[in-house]
Structures are given as structure tokens and as C-alpha cells.
Amino acid sequence: MRLSSLQQYILLKMSEKGTRMDRKIFRRFYETRDRKPNKKYQEHIITQSLERLIDRGLITGFGKRTPQKWFLTHVDLTGKGIKAIQEIYHRRQKTLPFT
């Protein structure tokens, strides 16, 4: 399964904590980037990534529902998400300790 770098970041951060997380934590992804989008677009991109992870069944979203849309406040991992995290760790190339 192909995941964007933001989606991988979201899953890895959730694996560190292991419980329900607030979505504000995922803004830190853009602190390390050289080219950052505007704050308004950052929120939109994070929301899109969260919704796509929910559609794939990797996370569960919690929040408020209006007749038009969902407002996600917290997210939590599912069993399928835990397997995806293991796959991400397995795929990452390990560096050798050359001096």
C-alpha cells in the first residue's frame, strides 16, 4: 500500500503514543520541511490525509458532525493501521554503522 510521507508520519506518530491523539500534533510535520505551504493549506492537507487514512480503514476519526461535513478532532489506530505501521518499519532501509 502506497502512503504519502505525511500519512506515514501520521501513522508513525500514532504508533509512538498508542492511544487517541489530537490532530494538532500532526502540524509538526511541516516544521522540518524547507518549503512549507501556508497555514491554511497545511490544515487542508492534513485533513485530506486523515480522511484518506480513514477511508482505507487504517485509523478511526472522532469529532463533530454537521449536516454538511465532519470536523475531526481526534484519531485512533485500527488493527489494519497497526499492520501498516509494521510494514512501514519493515520497508525502511537500515543504515550500516560504517566509520
Protein backbone atom coordinates (compact mmCIF):
# COMPACT_ATOMS: atom_id res chain seq x y z
CA MET A 1 0.00 0.00 0.00
CA ARG A 2 1.44 3.35 -1.03
CA LEU A 3 1.28 6.12 1.55
CA SER A 4 2.47 9.70 1.32
CA SER A 5 5.20 10.96 3.61
CA LEU A 6 2.60 12.86 5.65
CA GLN A 7 0.46 9.75 6.01
CA GLN A 8 3.48 7.73 7.11
CA TYR A 9 4.35 10.48 9.61
CA ILE A 10 0.80 10.38 11.00
CA LEU A 11 0.87 6.60 11.44
CA LEU A 12 4.34 6.58 13.00
CA LYS A 13 3.42 9.34 15.49
CA MET A 14 0.31 7.41 16.44
CA SER A 15 2.36 4.25 16.97
CA GLU A 16 4.64 6.09 19.41
CA LYS A 17 1.79 7.15 21.66
CA GLY A 18 -0.58 4.25 21.01
CA THR A 19 -3.78 5.96 22.15
CA ARG A 20 -6.20 8.51 20.78
CA MET A 21 -4.34 11.58 19.52
CA ASP A 22 -5.29 15.16 18.88
CA ARG A 23 -4.86 16.22 15.25
CA LYS A 24 -2.90 19.36 16.21
CA ILE A 25 0.19 17.21 16.79
CA PHE A 26 0.45 16.47 13.07
CA ARG A 27 1.26 20.12 12.29
CA ARG A 28 4.82 19.42 13.41
CA PHE A 29 5.36 17.57 10.14
CA TYR A 30 5.85 20.90 8.37
CA GLU A 31 8.37 22.27 10.89
CA THR A 32 11.15 20.16 9.36
CA ARG A 33 10.28 20.98 5.74
CA ASP A 34 12.19 23.54 3.68
CA ARG A 35 9.23 24.53 1.52
CA LYS A 36 6.14 24.94 3.66
CA PRO A 37 2.64 25.65 2.40
CA ASN A 38 0.57 28.38 4.08
CA LYS A 39 -1.05 27.55 7.44
CA LYS A 40 -4.47 27.46 5.79
CA TYR A 41 -3.31 24.90 3.25
CA GLN A 42 -1.45 22.88 5.86
CA GLU A 43 -4.71 22.28 7.73
CA HIS A 44 -6.46 21.34 4.49
CA ILE A 45 -3.70 18.88 3.53
CA ILE A 46 -3.67 17.28 6.98
CA THR A 47 -7.47 16.93 6.91
CA GLN A 48 -7.32 15.31 3.48
CA SER A 49 -4.65 12.86 4.60
CA LEU A 50 -6.62 11.93 7.72
CA GLU A 51 -9.80 11.39 5.69
CA ARG A 52 -7.96 9.18 3.22
CA LEU A 53 -6.48 7.10 6.03
CA ILE A 54 -9.97 6.74 7.49
CA ASP A 55 -11.32 5.64 4.08
CA ARG A 56 -8.60 2.99 3.87
CA GLY A 57 -9.54 1.74 7.33
CA LEU A 58 -6.16 2.49 8.94
CA ILE A 59 -7.45 4.97 11.53
CA THR A 60 -10.73 5.92 13.17
CA GLY A 61 -11.79 9.55 13.39
CA PHE A 62 -13.60 11.25 16.26
CA GLY A 63 -15.18 14.67 16.15
CA LYS A 64 -18.31 16.66 15.49
CA ARG A 65 -20.79 16.06 12.70
CA THR A 66 -22.78 18.74 10.95
CA PRO A 67 -25.26 18.05 8.15
CA GLN A 68 -22.61 19.02 5.58
CA LYS A 69 -19.30 17.70 6.94
CA TRP A 70 -17.23 16.12 9.70
CA PHE A 71 -14.88 18.11 11.92
CA LEU A 72 -12.17 15.71 13.08
CA THR A 73 -10.70 16.43 16.50
CA HIS A 74 -9.04 13.12 17.46
CA VAL A 75 -7.91 9.98 15.66
CA ASP A 76 -7.12 6.45 16.80
CA LEU A 77 -5.43 3.43 15.19
CA THR A 78 -7.21 0.32 13.96
CA GLY A 79 -5.82 -3.18 13.64
CA LYS A 80 -5.21 -2.67 9.95
CA GLY A 81 -3.32 0.53 10.81
CA ILE A 82 -1.00 -1.33 13.17
CA LYS A 83 -0.17 -3.79 10.38
CA ALA A 84 0.55 -0.86 8.04
CA ILE A 85 2.94 0.63 10.63
CA GLN A 86 4.81 -2.67 10.84
CA GLU A 87 5.08 -2.68 7.05
CA ILE A 88 6.46 0.88 7.08
CA TYR A 89 9.11 -0.07 9.64
CA HIS A 90 9.98 -3.18 7.65
CA ARG A 91 10.32 -1.21 4.37
CA ARG A 92 12.63 1.45 5.77
CA GLN A 93 16.21 0.83 4.82
CA LYS A 94 18.55 0.35 7.73
CA THR A 95 21.90 2.16 7.73
CA LEU A 96 25.10 0.29 8.40
CA PRO A 97 27.41 1.57 11.16
CA PHE A 98 30.42 2.35 8.93
CA THR A 99 33.03 4.68 10.33
